[in-house]
Amino acid sequence: MIFNFLSYFSLYFLQIGFWLPLETALLILLGLLAGWFYIRTKNETRKQLRLKEEIKQRKVSEDNYRQIFANVHDGILIHDGEYNIISANPACELLTGYSVEELKSLKILDLLPAEHKLNLKSIETNLFSGEKASFCLDAKFIKKDKSEVVVQITINPINVNEDGLNFQCTIRDVSEQKHMEENLRYYLKQVTRAQEEERKRIALELHDETVQYLIVLWRQLEALSLKNKELSPESIVLLQELREQTKNVIQSVRSLSQDLRPATLDHLGLMPALDHLVSEAAAHSAMITKVHVTGKERRLPEEVELMLFRISQEAMRNALRHSRATKAEITVVFGERKVKVNIQDNGRGFYLPPKISDLSQKGKLGLLGMQERARLIDGHLSITSEPDKGTLVSVEVPVQPG
């Protein structure tokens, strides 16, 4: 090979009109070969060093992953595209009651109730298509003893090999957390019910006692001013002023009683109560108000009507006091299995935080209270608002078919 290269080398110089002695040409060739060999050896050495470093770093990463995999408190399951469990960490033993070897003989679908199997399949199909990098799912796990544990599963697609895409499921036991949330919700429901019962009691006392006493006082003042001719003109004027003040107090107490617990809500239902709500708002402000109804109007369970009214009442109060709205509308949509109430105003609006629960940090406790009331009747509340574009409060509640 070297002699062939030398021949080509000599022919090259002959073509350009030069002739070099064989020894000189050989020396030049050896120098070139030595330089080429040195550069190649140096490059190969660098590649080997890089490869060794990469292998070392990969081994460190794998060791760290194995250590985390073995010692993390959350359960970690890895399954293939056919849902066969191919790996599990020791935490899964405590979570499921199965040993690691037993888990490897199962499918992850064997650990899920029927209602969650389709959710898992749909989620992993979306992950496979690359729409999301991960997904979080609240579900239940069926343990070896057939009991259930509430878990939160975070699903991530991992390495693609010749067998397809695998999925890593990080499983956290949230049973205690869910139990605390249920207790808190029950506590809030009981507090809200107690608050509404107290409001109802106070409203009845104001209407049946306080207002009646004030009416008697007003009539006595009227009778005194009409029948007693011995009074001076100044005293008659004073009596008339007292009568007018008493009349104003009666109206204020009636309004307070109505605000605490509208009698129309208990006796006639949600829609008459909403009609009265918007008429009162129009009477005490320049705001234009309307109520729209879609679907077949019907009575709802007492607690549902009460909570929907309170949410509408708070939204209208915000429109009157804070948003500077000139127009507000309430739309009630009666569906077969759900009822939706929208309260829309054209006020100044505001910036919404990422979560409604963050509103408490801004002092907007009324909006947070609306969300809690919606939760108490298994409803969903959403708020849409932008500066200078008004606010839309929407609450949707499931109900039995009418």
Protein backbone atom coordinates (compact mmCIF):
# COMPACT_ATOMS: atom_id res chain seq x y z
CA MET A 1 0.00 0.00 0.00
CA ILE A 2 2.86 2.36 0.93
CA PHE A 3 4.68 1.59 -2.37
CA ASN A 4 1.52 2.18 -4.37
CA PHE A 5 1.10 5.51 -2.62
CA LEU A 6 4.80 6.28 -3.37
CA SER A 7 4.29 5.51 -7.06
CA TYR A 8 1.28 7.83 -7.21
CA PHE A 9 3.29 10.42 -5.30
CA SER A 10 6.24 10.19 -7.77
CA LEU A 11 3.94 10.30 -10.82
CA TYR A 12 2.35 13.43 -9.41
CA PHE A 13 5.65 15.23 -9.25
CA LEU A 14 6.61 13.94 -12.76
CA GLN A 15 3.38 15.45 -14.14
CA ILE A 16 4.23 18.81 -12.71
CA GLY A 17 7.81 18.64 -14.04
CA PHE A 18 9.69 17.65 -10.93
CA TRP A 19 11.63 14.57 -10.03
CA LEU A 20 12.60 13.73 -6.50
CA PRO A 21 15.02 11.05 -5.48
CA LEU A 22 13.38 7.97 -4.08
CA GLU A 23 14.91 8.42 -0.65
CA THR A 24 13.69 12.01 -0.37
CA ALA A 25 10.23 11.05 -1.51
CA LEU A 26 10.16 8.21 0.99
CA LEU A 27 11.16 10.52 3.80
CA ILE A 28 8.43 12.97 2.87
CA LEU A 29 5.93 10.14 2.69
CA LEU A 30 6.96 8.79 6.07
CA GLY A 31 6.62 12.26 7.56
CA LEU A 32 3.15 12.61 6.16
CA LEU A 33 2.18 9.18 7.40
CA ALA A 34 3.58 9.91 10.84
CA GLY A 35 1.63 13.16 11.05
CA TRP A 36 -1.54 11.44 9.89
CA PHE A 37 -1.03 8.60 12.38
CA TYR A 38 -0.36 11.07 15.22
CA ILE A 39 -3.51 13.10 14.46
CA ARG A 40 -5.60 9.96 14.13
CA THR A 41 -4.26 8.52 17.36
CA LYS A 42 -4.90 11.80 19.15
CA ASN A 43 -8.50 11.94 17.86
CA GLU A 44 -9.11 8.32 18.80
CA THR A 45 -7.73 9.01 22.27
CA ARG A 46 -10.06 11.97 22.68
CA LYS A 47 -13.03 9.90 21.52
CA GLN A 48 -12.16 7.15 23.97
CA LEU A 49 -11.82 9.66 26.82
CA ARG A 50 -15.19 11.23 25.93
CA LEU A 51 -16.77 7.80 25.69
CA LYS A 52 -15.36 6.79 29.07
CA GLU A 53 -16.64 10.04 30.62
CA GLU A 54 -20.09 9.53 29.12
CA ILE A 55 -20.19 5.95 30.39
CA LYS A 56 -19.07 7.14 33.81
CA GLN A 57 -21.73 9.88 33.92
CA ARG A 58 -24.39 7.48 32.67
CA LYS A 59 -23.41 4.97 35.35
CA VAL A 60 -23.61 7.70 38.01
CA SER A 61 -27.03 8.76 36.70
CA GLU A 62 -28.24 5.17 36.64
CA ASP A 63 -26.95 4.58 40.17
CA ASN A 64 -28.68 7.76 41.36
CA TYR A 65 -31.91 6.73 39.64
CA ARG A 66 -31.74 3.25 41.16
CA GLN A 67 -31.15 4.75 44.58
CA ILE A 68 -34.08 7.16 44.20
CA PHE A 69 -36.23 4.41 42.70
CA ALA A 70 -35.53 2.14 45.66
CA ASN A 71 -35.77 4.70 48.49
CA VAL A 72 -38.46 7.17 47.41
CA HIS A 73 -41.63 7.13 49.53
CA ASP A 74 -43.95 7.29 46.52
CA GLY A 75 -44.66 4.12 44.61
CA ILE A 76 -43.18 3.88 41.11
CA LEU A 77 -44.45 1.42 38.51
CA ILE A 78 -43.11 1.06 34.99
CA HIS A 79 -45.29 -0.70 32.43
CA ASP A 80 -45.08 -1.31 28.72
CA GLY A 81 -47.52 -0.47 25.95
CA GLU A 82 -49.57 -3.57 26.78
CA TYR A 83 -49.94 -2.36 30.41
CA ASN A 84 -47.71 -5.19 31.71
CA ILE A 85 -45.82 -4.10 34.83
CA ILE A 86 -42.11 -4.56 34.13
CA SER A 87 -40.67 -2.85 37.21
CA ALA A 88 -41.78 -1.63 40.64
CA ASN A 89 -40.04 -0.11 43.64
CA PRO A 90 -40.36 -1.32 47.27
CA ALA A 91 -42.80 1.49 48.12
CA CYS A 92 -45.34 -0.23 45.85
CA GLU A 93 -45.36 -3.21 48.20
CA LEU A 94 -46.65 -1.04 51.06
CA LEU A 95 -49.09 0.73 48.75
CA THR A 96 -50.65 -2.32 47.09
CA GLY A 97 -49.92 -5.25 49.40
CA TYR A 98 -48.28 -7.15 46.51
CA SER A 99 -44.60 -8.01 46.44
CA VAL A 100 -42.47 -6.63 43.62
CA GLU A 101 -42.35 -10.07 41.97
CA GLU A 102 -46.14 -10.41 42.22
CA LEU A 103 -46.60 -6.99 40.65
CA LYS A 104 -44.44 -8.00 37.69
CA SER A 105 -46.96 -10.74 36.89
CA LEU A 106 -49.84 -8.21 36.77
CA LYS A 107 -51.07 -5.49 34.47
CA ILE A 108 -51.52 -2.00 35.89
CA LEU A 109 -55.16 -2.21 34.80
CA ASP A 110 -55.60 -5.05 37.31
CA LEU A 111 -55.02 -2.50 40.09
CA LEU A 112 -57.63 -0.01 38.88
CA PRO A 113 -61.44 -0.01 39.23
CA ALA A 114 -63.40 -0.11 35.98
CA GLU A 115 -64.21 3.62 36.02
CA HIS A 116 -60.50 4.54 35.97
CA LYS A 117 -59.25 2.04 33.35
CA LEU A 118 -60.62 4.01 30.39
CA ASN A 119 -59.19 7.24 31.85
CA LEU A 120 -55.71 5.71 32.03
CA LYS A 121 -55.92 4.38 28.47
CA SER A 122 -57.08 7.74 27.11
CA ILE A 123 -54.39 9.66 28.98
CA GLU A 124 -51.57 7.40 27.81
CA THR A 125 -52.85 7.55 24.23
CA ASN A 126 -52.52 11.35 24.38
CA LEU A 127 -49.06 11.06 25.95
CA PHE A 128 -48.00 8.66 23.20
CA SER A 129 -49.03 11.21 20.57
CA GLY A 130 -46.82 13.82 22.25
CA GLU A 131 -49.62 16.22 23.19
CA LYS A 132 -48.32 16.43 26.78
CA ALA A 133 -45.12 15.48 28.58
CA SER A 134 -46.93 14.21 31.69
CA PHE A 135 -50.38 13.91 33.22
CA CYS A 136 -51.78 13.71 36.74
CA LEU A 137 -54.78 11.50 37.55
CA ASP A 138 -56.77 11.05 40.77
CA ALA A 139 -57.85 7.44 41.04
CA LYS A 140 -58.23 4.45 43.35
CA PHE A 141 -55.99 1.41 43.64
CA ILE A 142 -57.33 -2.04 44.45
CA LYS A 143 -55.00 -3.62 47.01
CA LYS A 144 -54.22 -7.31 47.33
CA ASP A 145 -56.79 -7.64 50.14
CA LYS A 146 -59.41 -6.07 47.77
CA SER A 147 -59.59 -2.85 49.80
CA GLU A 148 -59.22 0.48 47.96
CA VAL A 149 -56.77 3.31 48.51
CA VAL A 150 -57.13 6.79 47.00
CA VAL A 151 -54.03 7.72 45.01
CA GLN A 152 -52.68 10.43 42.76
CA ILE A 153 -50.90 9.03 39.69
CA THR A 154 -48.39 11.06 37.68
CA ILE A 155 -47.79 9.43 34.29
CA ASN A 156 -44.68 10.07 32.16
CA PRO A 157 -43.67 8.37 28.90
CA ILE A 158 -40.10 7.08 29.08
CA ASN A 159 -37.57 5.31 26.83
CA VAL A 160 -38.62 4.05 23.43
CA ASN A 161 -37.08 0.70 22.55
CA GLU A 162 -37.75 -2.08 20.06
CA ASP A 163 -40.81 -3.05 22.10
CA GLY A 164 -42.35 0.42 21.95
CA LEU A 165 -42.98 3.16 24.51
CA ASN A 166 -42.93 2.50 28.25
CA PHE A 167 -44.71 4.55 30.90
CA GLN A 168 -43.60 5.47 34.41
CA CYS A 169 -46.40 5.91 36.96
CA THR A 170 -45.52 7.70 40.18
CA ILE A 171 -48.19 6.86 42.74
CA ARG A 172 -48.84 8.83 45.91
CA ASP A 173 -51.25 7.75 48.65
CA VAL A 174 -53.59 10.72 49.23
CA SER A 175 -56.21 8.87 51.28
CA GLU A 176 -55.52 10.91 54.41
CA GLN A 177 -55.52 14.16 52.46
CA LYS A 178 -58.83 13.30 50.77
CA HIS A 179 -60.28 12.28 54.12
CA MET A 180 -59.29 15.64 55.60
CA GLU A 181 -60.77 17.47 52.60
CA GLU A 182 -64.05 15.57 53.01
CA ASN A 183 -64.11 16.40 56.72
CA LEU A 184 -63.43 20.05 55.94
CA ARG A 185 -66.18 20.10 53.32
CA TYR A 186 -68.59 18.51 55.77
CA TYR A 187 -67.60 21.07 58.39
CA LEU A 188 -68.12 23.94 55.93
CA LYS A 189 -71.51 22.52 54.95
CA GLN A 190 -72.58 22.33 58.57
CA VAL A 191 -71.31 25.87 59.27
CA THR A 192 -73.14 27.18 56.20
CA ARG A 193 -76.34 25.43 57.20
CA ALA A 194 -76.07 26.80 60.73
CA GLN A 195 -75.43 30.28 59.31
CA GLU A 196 -78.46 30.04 57.05
CA GLU A 197 -80.65 28.79 59.89
CA GLU A 198 -79.52 31.70 62.05
CA ARG A 199 -80.19 34.13 59.21
CA LYS A 200 -83.63 32.64 58.79
CA ARG A 201 -84.34 32.95 62.52
CA ILE A 202 -83.20 36.59 62.66
CA ALA A 203 -85.14 37.43 59.50
CA LEU A 204 -88.33 35.96 60.97
CA GLU A 205 -87.84 37.83 64.25
CA LEU A 206 -87.28 41.08 62.40
CA HIS A 207 -90.33 40.52 60.21
CA ASP A 208 -92.72 39.11 62.82
CA GLU A 209 -91.71 41.16 65.85
CA THR A 210 -89.50 44.18 65.18
CA VAL A 211 -91.38 45.35 62.11
CA GLN A 212 -94.75 44.80 63.82
CA TYR A 213 -93.70 46.85 66.85
CA LEU A 214 -92.49 49.62 64.56
CA ILE A 215 -95.78 49.57 62.62
CA VAL A 216 -97.72 49.93 65.89
CA LEU A 217 -95.46 52.83 66.87
CA TRP A 218 -95.96 54.48 63.47
CA ARG A 219 -99.76 54.20 63.75
CA GLN A 220 -99.73 55.60 67.28
CA LEU A 221 -97.71 58.57 66.13
CA GLU A 222 -100.17 59.06 63.27
CA ALA A 223 -103.15 58.88 65.63
CA LEU A 224 -101.52 61.29 68.05
CA SER A 225 -100.83 63.87 65.36
CA LEU A 226 -104.41 63.64 64.00
CA LYS A 227 -106.46 63.55 67.21
CA ASN A 228 -104.59 65.80 69.60
CA LYS A 229 -105.62 69.33 68.63
CA GLU A 230 -103.97 70.85 71.67
CA LEU A 231 -100.51 70.33 70.22
CA SER A 232 -98.63 73.30 68.88
CA PRO A 233 -97.78 73.50 65.19
CA GLU A 234 -94.15 72.81 66.06
CA SER A 235 -95.12 69.61 67.92
CA ILE A 236 -97.31 68.48 65.01
CA VAL A 237 -94.38 69.00 62.61
CA LEU A 238 -92.13 67.05 64.99
CA LEU A 239 -94.67 64.18 65.13
CA GLN A 240 -94.86 64.10 61.36
CA GLU A 241 -91.07 63.89 61.16
CA LEU A 242 -91.07 61.06 63.71
CA ARG A 243 -93.72 59.25 61.66
CA GLU A 244 -91.61 59.61 58.52
CA GLN A 245 -88.46 58.42 60.29
CA THR A 246 -90.34 55.44 61.75
CA LYS A 247 -91.62 54.59 58.26
CA ASN A 248 -88.05 54.70 56.92
CA VAL A 249 -86.86 52.44 59.74
CA ILE A 250 -89.65 49.97 58.90
CA GLN A 251 -88.53 49.89 55.26
CA SER A 252 -84.88 49.43 56.29
CA VAL A 253 -85.71 46.58 58.66
CA ARG A 254 -87.86 44.91 56.00
CA SER A 255 -85.02 45.25 53.51
CA LEU A 256 -82.57 43.79 56.03
CA SER A 257 -84.94 40.89 56.73
CA GLN A 258 -85.33 40.25 53.01
CA ASP A 259 -81.56 40.36 52.53
CA LEU A 260 -80.96 37.91 55.38
CA ARG A 261 -83.47 35.35 54.11
CA PRO A 262 -85.99 36.22 51.37
CA ALA A 263 -89.43 34.90 52.22
CA THR A 264 -90.09 34.47 48.49
CA LEU A 265 -87.23 31.97 48.29
CA ASP A 266 -88.76 29.70 50.93
CA HIS A 267 -92.37 30.08 49.76
CA LEU A 268 -92.13 30.49 45.98
CA GLY A 269 -88.69 29.27 44.94
CA LEU A 270 -85.57 30.45 43.14
CA MET A 271 -86.99 32.38 40.18
CA PRO A 272 -89.34 34.70 42.16
CA ALA A 273 -86.46 35.33 44.59
CA LEU A 274 -84.15 36.29 41.70
CA ASP A 275 -86.85 38.55 40.23
CA HIS A 276 -87.13 40.31 43.58
CA LEU A 277 -83.33 40.54 43.82
CA VAL A 278 -82.92 42.37 40.50
CA SER A 279 -85.94 44.61 41.13
CA GLU A 280 -84.42 45.70 44.45
CA ALA A 281 -81.09 46.36 42.74
CA ALA A 282 -82.82 48.49 40.09
CA ALA A 283 -84.81 50.37 42.76
CA HIS A 284 -81.69 51.38 44.71
CA SER A 285 -79.41 52.17 41.76
CA ALA A 286 -79.39 53.28 38.14
CA MET A 287 -78.23 49.85 37.00
CA ILE A 288 -80.38 48.10 34.39
CA THR A 289 -81.14 44.55 35.49
CA LYS A 290 -82.89 41.57 33.87
CA VAL A 291 -83.60 37.90 34.50
CA HIS A 292 -83.75 35.42 31.60
CA VAL A 293 -84.97 31.83 31.77
CA THR A 294 -84.16 29.03 29.32
CA GLY A 295 -85.69 25.58 29.50
CA LYS A 296 -88.58 24.28 31.57
CA GLU A 297 -88.70 26.17 34.86
CA ARG A 298 -89.15 23.99 37.96
CA ARG A 299 -88.50 23.90 41.69
CA LEU A 300 -85.13 22.57 42.83
CA PRO A 301 -84.03 21.03 46.13
CA GLU A 302 -84.14 23.62 48.92
CA GLU A 303 -80.38 23.65 49.50
CA VAL A 304 -79.63 24.00 45.77
CA GLU A 305 -82.04 26.93 45.42
CA LEU A 306 -80.55 28.59 48.49
CA MET A 307 -76.94 28.28 47.31
CA LEU A 308 -77.74 29.44 43.77
CA PHE A 309 -79.56 32.44 45.21
CA ARG A 310 -76.65 33.30 47.52
CA ILE A 311 -74.16 33.10 44.63
CA SER A 312 -76.40 35.33 42.49
CA GLN A 313 -76.88 37.72 45.41
CA GLU A 314 -73.13 38.05 45.99
CA ALA A 315 -72.46 38.55 42.27
CA MET A 316 -75.13 41.28 42.05
CA ARG A 317 -73.75 42.93 45.20
CA ASN A 318 -70.27 43.00 43.61
CA ALA A 319 -71.72 44.53 40.44
CA LEU A 320 -73.43 47.26 42.49
CA ARG A 321 -70.66 48.08 44.95
CA HIS A 322 -67.37 47.39 43.18
CA SER A 323 -67.59 47.02 39.42
CA ARG A 324 -69.41 50.31 38.64
CA ALA A 325 -71.63 48.38 36.25
CA THR A 326 -74.54 50.03 34.48
CA LYS A 327 -76.09 46.73 33.38
CA ALA A 328 -76.38 43.26 34.92
CA GLU A 329 -78.25 40.17 33.75
CA ILE A 330 -79.02 36.83 35.36
CA THR A 331 -79.64 33.89 33.03
CA VAL A 332 -80.97 30.60 34.38
CA VAL A 333 -80.76 27.56 32.12
CA PHE A 334 -82.86 24.57 33.20
CA GLY A 335 -81.52 21.35 31.70
CA GLU A 336 -82.67 17.79 32.14
CA ARG A 337 -79.88 16.85 34.54
CA LYS A 338 -78.26 20.17 35.39
CA VAL A 339 -79.05 23.80 36.06
CA LYS A 340 -76.76 26.64 35.06
CA VAL A 341 -76.88 30.22 36.33
CA ASN A 342 -74.90 33.02 34.64
CA ILE A 343 -74.53 36.48 36.20
CA GLN A 344 -73.07 38.93 33.68
CA ASP A 345 -72.24 42.62 34.23
CA ASN A 346 -70.57 45.28 32.10
CA GLY A 347 -68.43 46.70 34.91
CA ARG A 348 -64.77 47.49 35.06
CA GLY A 349 -63.68 43.86 35.61
CA PHE A 350 -60.36 42.75 37.07
CA TYR A 351 -57.38 40.47 36.48
CA LEU A 352 -58.03 36.88 37.52
CA PRO A 353 -55.32 34.86 39.29
CA PRO A 354 -54.50 31.35 38.01
CA LYS A 355 -56.72 29.80 40.71
CA ILE A 356 -59.91 31.13 42.29
CA SER A 357 -58.51 30.11 45.69
CA ASP A 358 -55.76 32.72 45.19
CA LEU A 359 -58.42 35.46 45.40
CA SER A 360 -58.26 35.29 49.20
CA GLN A 361 -54.80 36.88 49.08
CA LYS A 362 -56.33 39.88 47.31
CA GLY A 363 -59.15 40.25 49.80
CA LYS A 364 -61.84 39.02 47.39
CA LEU A 365 -63.44 36.74 49.96
CA GLY A 366 -66.91 37.10 48.41
CA LEU A 367 -65.79 35.35 45.22
CA LEU A 368 -64.08 32.66 47.25
CA GLY A 369 -67.30 32.20 49.25
CA MET A 370 -69.23 31.70 46.01
CA GLN A 371 -66.86 28.90 45.04
CA GLU A 372 -67.28 27.19 48.40
CA ARG A 373 -71.08 27.42 48.16
CA ALA A 374 -70.96 25.85 44.70
CA ARG A 375 -68.85 22.98 46.02
CA LEU A 376 -71.33 22.31 48.82
CA ILE A 377 -73.96 21.34 46.23
CA ASP A 378 -71.46 19.48 44.00
CA GLY A 379 -71.50 22.35 41.53
CA HIS A 380 -68.75 23.97 39.48
CA LEU A 381 -68.19 27.72 39.54
CA SER A 382 -66.14 29.67 37.01
CA ILE A 383 -65.33 33.37 36.81
CA THR A 384 -64.38 35.19 33.63
CA SER A 385 -63.21 38.78 33.83
CA GLU A 386 -60.88 41.27 32.19
CA PRO A 387 -60.25 44.95 32.96
CA ASP A 388 -62.90 47.14 31.30
CA LYS A 389 -64.69 44.05 29.90
CA GLY A 390 -67.01 43.16 32.74
CA THR A 391 -67.36 39.97 34.74
CA LEU A 392 -69.18 36.70 34.16
CA VAL A 393 -69.93 34.41 37.09
CA SER A 394 -71.18 31.00 36.00
CA VAL A 395 -72.27 28.13 38.24
CA GLU A 396 -73.42 24.72 37.04
CA VAL A 397 -75.11 22.23 39.35
CA PRO A 398 -76.20 18.62 38.69
CA VAL A 399 -79.84 17.92 39.56
CA GLN A 400 -82.19 14.99 39.27
CA PRO A 401 -84.38 14.94 36.14
CA GLY A 402 -87.62 16.83 36.63
